[in-house]
């Protein structure tokens, strides 16, 4: 007797099919890069120019005017590394959330694992991230900061950021197919999330300021945001070799953020697969 049951767990995601269509995933990632920088005067320079301009603005607002601390690191460099992490997270989230509606002609006519579309956004975002991170080869020595063994931890926080952004992006992409309101709400939420996360300010300083205005049971609410731990550890991994030697963030913040990242990417993938069967009908 042969019993046929629906797959469950990781088997339900059909990861083997995604590997089989890896060429399509790489092609889509390359197409995304070409389309974004086609017919632009500066081309890929925008990848570096965007975090540079944002870091300059944050340095003036938070560093010069508001006099926020930066753990002994020049505020421009402090903000630039924070923007690297933020651009990676927001880039994958924004692109993955709109990948289904942006490729409606493929979904309605060609068979392939739909997870290939959001996963292809990771490739183009990583290229942007690596190009912008290459500028640190000049900025860090210019500020007398040299890499140490902690730089080896950067891939861990990078993977955590990718998992968080993909987890939320998968749910947003699936919902956008049926509810186009998501594509209008999400950019607003991303902008709010940027200032609710320690991109251009240290988490401990913001937490102290918040605690003065919140009841005792809400102290440390900033650390409920899983991005907080990842951003803090990401930045520390670059600046541990600074002459000021900033202290490492609390270990529990890293563990909490990584657990949240694994949980969110799992929830996002399961939700995506459950809604996948109706994509071609309603898109």
C-alpha atoms as a PDB file:
ATOM      1  CA  UNK A   1       0.000   0.000   0.000  1.00  0.00           C
ATOM      2  CA  UNK A   2       1.354   3.410  -0.997  1.00  0.00           C
ATOM      3  CA  UNK A   3       0.294   6.318   1.195  1.00  0.00           C
ATOM      4  CA  UNK A   4       0.730   9.806  -0.209  1.00  0.00           C
ATOM      5  CA  UNK A   5       0.896  12.584   2.341  1.00  0.00           C
ATOM      6  CA  UNK A   6       1.655  16.284   1.950  1.00  0.00           C
ATOM      7  CA  UNK A   7       5.254  17.065   2.903  1.00  0.00           C
ATOM      8  CA  UNK A   8       5.891  18.833   6.176  1.00  0.00           C
ATOM      9  CA  UNK A   9       8.803  20.631   7.800  1.00  0.00           C
ATOM     10  CA  UNK A  10      11.708  21.638   5.592  1.00  0.00           C
ATOM     11  CA  UNK A  11      10.614  19.107   2.950  1.00  0.00           C
ATOM     12  CA  UNK A  12       7.558  21.258   2.236  1.00  0.00           C
ATOM     13  CA  UNK A  13       9.828  24.060   1.010  1.00  0.00           C
ATOM     14  CA  UNK A  14      11.248  21.867  -1.778  1.00  0.00           C
ATOM     15  CA  UNK A  15      14.765  23.253  -1.389  1.00  0.00           C
ATOM     16  CA  UNK A  16      16.072  20.739  -3.924  1.00  0.00           C
ATOM     17  CA  UNK A  17      13.911  22.388  -6.600  1.00  0.00           C
ATOM     18  CA  UNK A  18      15.407  25.774  -5.747  1.00  0.00           C
ATOM     19  CA  UNK A  19      18.906  24.365  -6.226  1.00  0.00           C
ATOM     20  CA  UNK A  20      17.825  22.892  -9.560  1.00  0.00           C
ATOM     21  CA  UNK A  21      16.736  26.368 -10.714  1.00  0.00           C
ATOM     22  CA  UNK A  22      19.847  28.124  -9.356  1.00  0.00           C
ATOM     23  CA  UNK A  23      20.803  29.338 -12.849  1.00  0.00           C
ATOM     24  CA  UNK A  24      17.522  31.238 -13.046  1.00  0.00           C
ATOM     25  CA  UNK A  25      18.157  32.735  -9.609  1.00  0.00           C
ATOM     26  CA  UNK A  26      21.605  34.003 -10.628  1.00  0.00           C
ATOM     27  CA  UNK A  27      20.231  35.345 -13.913  1.00  0.00           C
ATOM     28  CA  UNK A  28      17.507  37.286 -12.113  1.00  0.00           C
ATOM     29  CA  UNK A  29      20.044  38.712  -9.677  1.00  0.00           C
ATOM     30  CA  UNK A  30      22.257  39.865 -12.554  1.00  0.00           C
ATOM     31  CA  UNK A  31      19.280  41.377 -14.345  1.00  0.00           C
ATOM     32  CA  UNK A  32      18.353  43.309 -11.212  1.00  0.00           C
ATOM     33  CA  UNK A  33      21.816  44.856 -11.049  1.00  0.00           C
ATOM     34  CA  UNK A  34      21.818  45.815 -14.719  1.00  0.00           C
ATOM     35  CA  UNK A  35      18.336  47.349 -14.642  1.00  0.00           C
ATOM     36  CA  UNK A  36      19.020  49.453 -11.546  1.00  0.00           C
ATOM     37  CA  UNK A  37      22.169  51.050 -12.923  1.00  0.00           C
ATOM     38  CA  UNK A  38      21.181  51.221 -16.575  1.00  0.00           C
ATOM     39  CA  UNK A  39      21.207  54.719 -18.067  1.00  0.00           C
ATOM     40  CA  UNK A  40      22.665  56.297 -14.918  1.00  0.00           C
ATOM     41  CA  UNK A  41      25.539  58.749 -15.161  1.00  0.00           C
ATOM     42  CA  UNK A  42      27.288  57.493 -11.999  1.00  0.00           C
ATOM     43  CA  UNK A  43      26.312  53.820 -12.271  1.00  0.00           C
ATOM     44  CA  UNK A  44      27.603  51.655  -9.424  1.00  0.00           C
ATOM     45  CA  UNK A  45      29.064  54.733  -7.697  1.00  0.00           C
ATOM     46  CA  UNK A  46      25.571  55.252  -6.254  1.00  0.00           C
ATOM     47  CA  UNK A  47      26.163  52.165  -4.092  1.00  0.00           C
ATOM     48  CA  UNK A  48      28.935  54.025  -2.246  1.00  0.00           C
ATOM     49  CA  UNK A  49      27.483  57.519  -2.559  1.00  0.00           C
ATOM     50  CA  UNK A  50      24.203  56.707  -0.781  1.00  0.00           C
ATOM     51  CA  UNK A  51      25.715  55.523   2.550  1.00  0.00           C
ATOM     52  CA  UNK A  52      28.329  58.291   2.346  1.00  0.00           C
ATOM     53  CA  UNK A  53      25.670  60.999   2.068  1.00  0.00           C
ATOM     54  CA  UNK A  54      23.540  59.414   4.804  1.00  0.00           C
ATOM     55  CA  UNK A  55      26.557  59.097   7.105  1.00  0.00           C
ATOM     56  CA  UNK A  56      27.388  62.751   6.470  1.00  0.00           C
ATOM     57  CA  UNK A  57      23.857  63.856   7.375  1.00  0.00           C
ATOM     58  CA  UNK A  58      23.828  61.706  10.529  1.00  0.00           C
ATOM     59  CA  UNK A  59      27.229  63.055  11.532  1.00  0.00           C
ATOM     60  CA  UNK A  60      25.887  66.603  11.388  1.00  0.00           C
ATOM     61  CA  UNK A  61      22.514  65.903  13.056  1.00  0.00           C
ATOM     62  CA  UNK A  62      23.473  63.379  15.727  1.00  0.00           C
ATOM     63  CA  UNK A  63      27.197  63.986  16.081  1.00  0.00           C
ATOM     64  CA  UNK A  64      27.693  67.743  15.726  1.00  0.00           C
ATOM     65  CA  UNK A  65      24.274  69.137  16.732  1.00  0.00           C
ATOM     66  CA  UNK A  66      22.796  66.569  19.141  1.00  0.00           C
ATOM     67  CA  UNK A  67      26.222  65.540  20.506  1.00  0.00           C
ATOM     68  CA  UNK A  68      25.432  61.825  20.625  1.00  0.00           C
ATOM     69  CA  UNK A  69      28.336  59.578  21.683  1.00  0.00           C
ATOM     70  CA  UNK A  70      29.927  57.203  19.189  1.00  0.00           C
ATOM     71  CA  UNK A  71      31.974  54.897  21.450  1.00  0.00           C
ATOM     72  CA  UNK A  72      35.166  56.801  20.706  1.00  0.00           C
ATOM     73  CA  UNK A  73      34.903  56.228  16.957  1.00  0.00           C
ATOM     74  CA  UNK A  74      34.661  59.167  14.518  1.00  0.00           C
ATOM     75  CA  UNK A  75      30.947  59.759  14.059  1.00  0.00           C
ATOM     76  CA  UNK A  76      31.115  59.656  10.276  1.00  0.00           C
ATOM     77  CA  UNK A  77      32.703  56.210  10.305  1.00  0.00           C
ATOM     78  CA  UNK A  78      30.325  55.092  13.070  1.00  0.00           C
ATOM     79  CA  UNK A  79      27.341  56.107  10.936  1.00  0.00           C
ATOM     80  CA  UNK A  80      28.783  54.705   7.698  1.00  0.00           C
ATOM     81  CA  UNK A  81      29.161  51.184   9.124  1.00  0.00           C
ATOM     82  CA  UNK A  82      25.653  51.409  10.551  1.00  0.00           C
ATOM     83  CA  UNK A  83      24.348  52.404   7.125  1.00  0.00           C
ATOM     84  CA  UNK A  84      26.095  49.410   5.554  1.00  0.00           C
ATOM     85  CA  UNK A  85      24.110  47.063   7.768  1.00  0.00           C
ATOM     86  CA  UNK A  86      20.894  49.025   7.331  1.00  0.00           C
ATOM     87  CA  UNK A  87      21.142  49.233   3.523  1.00  0.00           C
ATOM     88  CA  UNK A  88      21.643  45.476   3.344  1.00  0.00           C
ATOM     89  CA  UNK A  89      18.568  44.816   5.489  1.00  0.00           C
ATOM     90  CA  UNK A  90      16.293  47.413   3.877  1.00  0.00           C
ATOM     91  CA  UNK A  91      17.516  46.586   0.359  1.00  0.00           C
ATOM     92  CA  UNK A  92      16.630  42.896   0.600  1.00  0.00           C
ATOM     93  CA  UNK A  93      13.331  43.684   2.336  1.00  0.00           C
ATOM     94  CA  UNK A  94      12.239  46.268  -0.234  1.00  0.00           C
ATOM     95  CA  UNK A  95      13.253  44.218  -3.264  1.00  0.00           C
ATOM     96  CA  UNK A  96      11.914  40.883  -2.034  1.00  0.00           C
ATOM     97  CA  UNK A  97       8.554  42.399  -1.072  1.00  0.00           C
ATOM     98  CA  UNK A  98       7.936  43.552  -4.635  1.00  0.00           C
ATOM     99  CA  UNK A  99       9.566  40.695  -6.512  1.00  0.00           C
ATOM    100  CA  UNK A 100       6.312  38.823  -7.256  1.00  0.00           C
ATOM    101  CA  UNK A 101       4.298  41.717  -8.657  1.00  0.00           C
ATOM    102  CA  UNK A 102       7.376  42.888 -10.553  1.00  0.00           C
ATOM    103  CA  UNK A 103       7.648  39.509 -12.275  1.00  0.00           C
ATOM    104  CA  UNK A 104       3.929  38.829 -12.811  1.00  0.00           C
ATOM    105  CA  UNK A 105       4.524  37.861 -16.452  1.00  0.00           C
ATOM    106  CA  UNK A 106       6.820  35.027 -15.363  1.00  0.00           C
ATOM    107  CA  UNK A 107       4.578  33.733 -12.592  1.00  0.00           C
ATOM    108  CA  UNK A 108       1.500  33.515 -14.795  1.00  0.00           C
ATOM    109  CA  UNK A 109       3.234  31.794 -17.730  1.00  0.00           C
ATOM    110  CA  UNK A 110       6.275  29.786 -16.588  1.00  0.00           C
ATOM    111  CA  UNK A 111       6.705  27.103 -13.930  1.00  0.00           C
ATOM    112  CA  UNK A 112       9.558  27.478 -11.470  1.00  0.00           C
ATOM    113  CA  UNK A 113       9.817  27.507  -7.650  1.00  0.00           C
ATOM    114  CA  UNK A 114       8.434  30.898  -6.636  1.00  0.00           C
ATOM    115  CA  UNK A 115      10.955  31.129  -3.793  1.00  0.00           C
ATOM    116  CA  UNK A 116      13.587  31.733  -6.470  1.00  0.00           C
ATOM    117  CA  UNK A 117      12.296  35.294  -6.946  1.00  0.00           C
ATOM    118  CA  UNK A 118      12.810  36.608  -3.380  1.00  0.00           C
ATOM    119  CA  UNK A 119      16.052  34.659  -3.018  1.00  0.00           C
ATOM    120  CA  UNK A 120      17.430  36.290  -6.180  1.00  0.00           C
ATOM    121  CA  UNK A 121      17.212  39.702  -4.491  1.00  0.00           C
ATOM    122  CA  UNK A 122      19.859  38.611  -1.989  1.00  0.00           C
ATOM    123  CA  UNK A 123      22.512  38.346  -4.705  1.00  0.00           C
ATOM    124  CA  UNK A 124      22.150  41.896  -5.982  1.00  0.00           C
ATOM    125  CA  UNK A 125      21.929  43.295  -2.437  1.00  0.00           C
ATOM    126  CA  UNK A 126      25.121  41.470  -1.461  1.00  0.00           C
ATOM    127  CA  UNK A 127      26.973  42.924  -4.448  1.00  0.00           C
ATOM    128  CA  UNK A 128      25.940  46.427  -3.347  1.00  0.00           C
ATOM    129  CA  UNK A 129      26.973  45.617   0.224  1.00  0.00           C
ATOM    130  CA  UNK A 130      30.425  44.354  -0.748  1.00  0.00           C
ATOM    131  CA  UNK A 131      31.113  47.331  -3.023  1.00  0.00           C
ATOM    132  CA  UNK A 132      30.174  49.810  -0.283  1.00  0.00           C
ATOM    133  CA  UNK A 133      32.104  47.834   2.354  1.00  0.00           C
ATOM    134  CA  UNK A 134      35.243  47.975   0.206  1.00  0.00           C
ATOM    135  CA  UNK A 135      35.507  51.693   0.998  1.00  0.00           C
ATOM    136  CA  UNK A 136      36.290  50.780   4.615  1.00  0.00           C
ATOM    137  CA  UNK A 137      39.698  49.635   3.411  1.00  0.00           C
ATOM    138  CA  UNK A 138      40.468  53.345   3.088  1.00  0.00           C
ATOM    139  CA  UNK A 139      38.254  54.865   5.805  1.00  0.00           C
ATOM    140  CA  UNK A 140      39.374  52.649   8.695  1.00  0.00           C
ATOM    141  CA  UNK A 141      43.182  53.111   8.392  1.00  0.00           C
ATOM    142  CA  UNK A 142      42.618  56.824   7.763  1.00  0.00           C
ATOM    143  CA  UNK A 143      41.023  56.956  11.237  1.00  0.00           C
ATOM    144  CA  UNK A 144      43.727  54.735  12.826  1.00  0.00           C
ATOM    145  CA  UNK A 145      41.400  51.746  13.129  1.00  0.00           C
ATOM    146  CA  UNK A 146      42.777  48.415  12.008  1.00  0.00           C
ATOM    147  CA  UNK A 147      40.947  45.099  11.652  1.00  0.00           C
ATOM    148  CA  UNK A 148      41.310  42.377  14.258  1.00  0.00           C
ATOM    149  CA  UNK A 149      40.050  38.807  14.545  1.00  0.00           C
ATOM    150  CA  UNK A 150      36.585  40.206  15.290  1.00  0.00           C
ATOM    151  CA  UNK A 151      36.216  40.976  11.599  1.00  0.00           C
ATOM    152  CA  UNK A 152      35.670  37.232  11.134  1.00  0.00           C
ATOM    153  CA  UNK A 153      32.353  37.619  12.964  1.00  0.00           C
ATOM    154  CA  UNK A 154      30.918  39.979  10.342  1.00  0.00           C
ATOM    155  CA  UNK A 155      29.569  37.126   8.129  1.00  0.00           C
ATOM    156  CA  UNK A 156      27.508  35.861  11.090  1.00  0.00           C
ATOM    157  CA  UNK A 157      25.761  39.215  11.577  1.00  0.00           C
ATOM    158  CA  UNK A 158      25.404  39.598   7.814  1.00  0.00           C
ATOM    159  CA  UNK A 159      23.620  36.252   7.544  1.00  0.00           C
ATOM    160  CA  UNK A 160      21.410  37.256  10.467  1.00  0.00           C
ATOM    161  CA  UNK A 161      20.428  40.487   8.702  1.00  0.00           C
ATOM    162  CA  UNK A 162      19.677  38.587   5.496  1.00  0.00           C
ATOM    163  CA  UNK A 163      17.494  36.098   7.331  1.00  0.00           C
ATOM    164  CA  UNK A 164      15.544  38.842   9.113  1.00  0.00           C
ATOM    165  CA  UNK A 165      14.959  40.792   5.925  1.00  0.00           C
ATOM    166  CA  UNK A 166      14.006  37.679   3.952  1.00  0.00           C
ATOM    167  CA  UNK A 167      11.618  36.497   6.657  1.00  0.00           C
ATOM    168  CA  UNK A 168       9.686  39.758   6.616  1.00  0.00           C
ATOM    169  CA  UNK A 169      10.099  40.132   2.843  1.00  0.00           C
ATOM    170  CA  UNK A 170       8.602  36.720   2.087  1.00  0.00           C
ATOM    171  CA  UNK A 171       5.446  37.517   4.031  1.00  0.00           C
ATOM    172  CA  UNK A 172       5.216  40.993   2.481  1.00  0.00           C
ATOM    173  CA  UNK A 173       5.718  39.604  -1.038  1.00  0.00           C
ATOM    174  CA  UNK A 174       2.990  36.996  -0.616  1.00  0.00           C
ATOM    175  CA  UNK A 175       0.560  39.535   0.854  1.00  0.00           C
ATOM    176  CA  UNK A 176       1.292  42.082  -1.883  1.00  0.00           C
ATOM    177  CA  UNK A 177      -0.084  39.681  -4.505  1.00  0.00           C
ATOM    178  CA  UNK A 178      -3.559  39.910  -2.953  1.00  0.00           C
ATOM    179  CA  UNK A 179      -3.344  43.228  -1.139  1.00  0.00           C
ATOM    180  CA  UNK A 180      -1.485  45.937  -3.049  1.00  0.00           C
ATOM    181  CA  UNK A 181      -1.807  48.211  -0.002  1.00  0.00           C
ATOM    182  CA  UNK A 182       1.309  46.496   1.354  1.00  0.00           C
ATOM    183  CA  UNK A 183       3.510  48.164  -1.259  1.00  0.00           C
ATOM    184  CA  UNK A 184       2.409  51.574   0.058  1.00  0.00           C
ATOM    185  CA  UNK A 185       2.627  50.761   3.756  1.00  0.00           C
ATOM    186  CA  UNK A 186       5.984  48.985   3.681  1.00  0.00           C
ATOM    187  CA  UNK A 187       8.170  51.980   2.628  1.00  0.00           C
ATOM    188  CA  UNK A 188       6.716  54.015   5.486  1.00  0.00           C
ATOM    189  CA  UNK A 189       7.397  51.186   7.933  1.00  0.00           C
ATOM    190  CA  UNK A 190      10.969  50.843   6.659  1.00  0.00           C
ATOM    191  CA  UNK A 191      11.629  54.554   7.219  1.00  0.00           C
ATOM    192  CA  UNK A 192      10.220  54.364  10.746  1.00  0.00           C
ATOM    193  CA  UNK A 193      12.231  51.237  11.453  1.00  0.00           C
ATOM    194  CA  UNK A 194      15.456  53.008  10.486  1.00  0.00           C
ATOM    195  CA  UNK A 195      15.093  55.526  13.299  1.00  0.00           C
ATOM    196  CA  UNK A 196      13.819  52.887  15.740  1.00  0.00           C
ATOM    197  CA  UNK A 197      17.042  50.909  15.195  1.00  0.00           C
ATOM    198  CA  UNK A 198      20.555  51.947  16.309  1.00  0.00           C
ATOM    199  CA  UNK A 199      21.794  52.768  12.817  1.00  0.00           C
ATOM    200  CA  UNK A 200      23.369  56.141  13.633  1.00  0.00           C
ATOM    201  CA  UNK A 201      23.422  56.070  17.432  1.00  0.00           C
ATOM    202  CA  UNK A 202      24.611  53.593  20.077  1.00  0.00           C
ATOM    203  CA  UNK A 203      21.897  51.392  21.525  1.00  0.00           C
ATOM    204  CA  UNK A 204      22.987  51.843  25.136  1.00  0.00           C
ATOM    205  CA  UNK A 205      22.678  55.636  24.862  1.00  0.00           C
ATOM    206  CA  UNK A 206      19.210  55.519  23.299  1.00  0.00           C
ATOM    207  CA  UNK A 207      18.083  52.940  25.859  1.00  0.00           C
ATOM    208  CA  UNK A 208      19.199  55.173  28.736  1.00  0.00           C
ATOM    209  CA  UNK A 209      17.283  58.133  27.297  1.00  0.00           C
ATOM    210  CA  UNK A 210      14.148  56.022  26.777  1.00  0.00           C
ATOM    211  CA  UNK A 211      14.280  54.550  30.269  1.00  0.00           C
ATOM    212  CA  UNK A 212      13.942  58.029  31.752  1.00  0.00           C
ATOM    213  CA  UNK A 213      10.540  58.444  30.106  1.00  0.00           C
ATOM    214  CA  UNK A 214       9.201  54.893  30.373  1.00  0.00           C
ATOM    215  CA  UNK A 215       7.877  52.881  33.321  1.00  0.00           C
ATOM    216  CA  UNK A 216      10.218  50.333  34.850  1.00  0.00           C
ATOM    217  CA  UNK A 217       8.616  47.328  33.146  1.00  0.00           C
ATOM    218  CA  UNK A 218       9.339  48.870  29.728  1.00  0.00           C
ATOM    219  CA  UNK A 219      13.047  49.523  30.337  1.00  0.00           C
ATOM    220  CA  UNK A 220      15.220  47.980  27.633  1.00  0.00           C
ATOM    221  CA  UNK A 221      12.374  47.966  25.113  1.00  0.00           C
ATOM    222  CA  UNK A 222      14.827  48.971  22.390  1.00  0.00           C
ATOM    223  CA  UNK A 223      16.493  45.563  22.682  1.00  0.00           C
ATOM    224  CA  UNK A 224      13.261  43.806  21.749  1.00  0.00           C
ATOM    225  CA  UNK A 225      14.035  44.899  18.209  1.00  0.00           C
ATOM    226  CA  UNK A 226      16.156  42.040  16.793  1.00  0.00           C
ATOM    227  CA  UNK A 227      17.988  44.531  14.579  1.00  0.00           C
ATOM    228  CA  UNK A 228      19.482  46.185  17.665  1.00  0.00           C
ATOM    229  CA  UNK A 229      21.749  43.312  18.603  1.00  0.00           C
ATOM    230  CA  UNK A 230      22.816  42.643  15.020  1.00  0.00           C
ATOM    231  CA  UNK A 231      23.676  46.293  14.341  1.00  0.00           C
ATOM    232  CA  UNK A 232      25.620  46.640  17.591  1.00  0.00           C
ATOM    233  CA  UNK A 233      27.653  43.478  17.056  1.00  0.00           C
ATOM    234  CA  UNK A 234      28.142  44.267  13.365  1.00  0.00           C
ATOM    235  CA  UNK A 235      29.628  47.652  14.256  1.00  0.00           C
ATOM    236  CA  UNK A 236      31.741  46.312  17.121  1.00  0.00           C
ATOM    237  CA  UNK A 237      33.257  43.665  14.836  1.00  0.00           C
ATOM    238  CA  UNK A 238      34.723  46.474  12.724  1.00  0.00           C
ATOM    239  CA  UNK A 239      35.729  48.814  15.559  1.00  0.00           C
ATOM    240  CA  UNK A 240      37.182  46.389  18.128  1.00  0.00           C
ATOM    241  CA  UNK A 241      40.625  47.439  16.871  1.00  0.00           C
ATOM    242  CA  UNK A 242      39.930  51.108  17.554  1.00  0.00           C
ATOM    243  CA  UNK A 243      42.360  52.911  19.912  1.00  0.00           C
ATOM    244  CA  UNK A 244      39.412  53.456  22.280  1.00  0.00           C
ATOM    245  CA  UNK A 245      38.591  49.710  22.238  1.00  0.00           C
ATOM    246  CA  UNK A 246      34.805  49.946  22.677  1.00  0.00           C
ATOM    247  CA  UNK A 247      33.374  47.157  24.862  1.00  0.00           C
ATOM    248  CA  UNK A 248      31.566  44.295  23.216  1.00  0.00           C
ATOM    249  CA  UNK A 249      27.749  44.351  23.429  1.00  0.00           C
ATOM    250  CA  UNK A 250      26.042  41.875  25.724  1.00  0.00           C
ATOM    251  CA  UNK A 251      26.207  38.334  24.356  1.00  0.00           C
ATOM    252  CA  UNK A 252      22.504  37.707  24.949  1.00  0.00           C
ATOM    253  CA  UNK A 253      21.615  40.425  22.417  1.00  0.00           C
ATOM    254  CA  UNK A 254      23.412  38.498  19.681  1.00  0.00           C
ATOM    255  CA  UNK A 255      21.789  35.193  20.637  1.00  0.00           C
ATOM    256  CA  UNK A 256      18.345  36.791  20.829  1.00  0.00           C
ATOM    257  CA  UNK A 257      18.721  38.442  17.424  1.00  0.00           C
ATOM    258  CA  UNK A 258      19.978  35.275  15.737  1.00  0.00           C
ATOM    259  CA  UNK A 259      17.151  33.175  17.213  1.00  0.00           C
ATOM    260  CA  UNK A 260      14.636  35.759  15.981  1.00  0.00           C
ATOM    261  CA  UNK A 261      16.258  35.682  12.536  1.00  0.00           C
ATOM    262  CA  UNK A 262      15.951  31.896  12.252  1.00  0.00           C
ATOM    263  CA  UNK A 263      12.365  31.986  13.508  1.00  0.00           C
ATOM    264  CA  UNK A 264      11.292  34.795  11.155  1.00  0.00           C
ATOM    265  CA  UNK A 265      12.815  33.249   8.046  1.00  0.00           C
ATOM    266  CA  UNK A 266      11.082  29.963   8.887  1.00  0.00           C
ATOM    267  CA  UNK A 267       7.724  31.665   9.442  1.00  0.00           C
ATOM    268  CA  UNK A 268       8.181  33.699   6.261  1.00  0.00           C
ATOM    269  CA  UNK A 269       9.021  30.646   4.159  1.00  0.00           C
ATOM    270  CA  UNK A 270       6.077  28.635   5.507  1.00  0.00           C
ATOM    271  CA  UNK A 271       3.643  31.520   4.974  1.00  0.00           C
ATOM    272  CA  UNK A 272       4.996  32.056   1.466  1.00  0.00           C
ATOM    273  CA  UNK A 273       4.553  28.405   0.526  1.00  0.00           C
ATOM    274  CA  UNK A 274       1.000  28.304   1.898  1.00  0.00           C
ATOM    275  CA  UNK A 275      -0.049  31.294  -0.199  1.00  0.00           C
ATOM    276  CA  UNK A 276       1.992  30.270  -3.261  1.00  0.00           C
ATOM    277  CA  UNK A 277      -0.713  28.196  -4.965  1.00  0.00           C
ATOM    278  CA  UNK A 278      -2.906  31.236  -5.650  1.00  0.00           C
ATOM    279  CA  UNK A 279      -0.206  33.555  -6.983  1.00  0.00           C
ATOM    280  CA  UNK A 280      -0.811  32.804 -10.673  1.00  0.00           C
ATOM    281  CA  UNK A 281      -4.581  33.242 -10.299  1.00  0.00           C
ATOM    282  CA  UNK A 282      -4.703  36.633  -8.593  1.00  0.00           C
ATOM    283  CA  UNK A 283      -1.490  38.377  -9.618  1.00  0.00           C
END
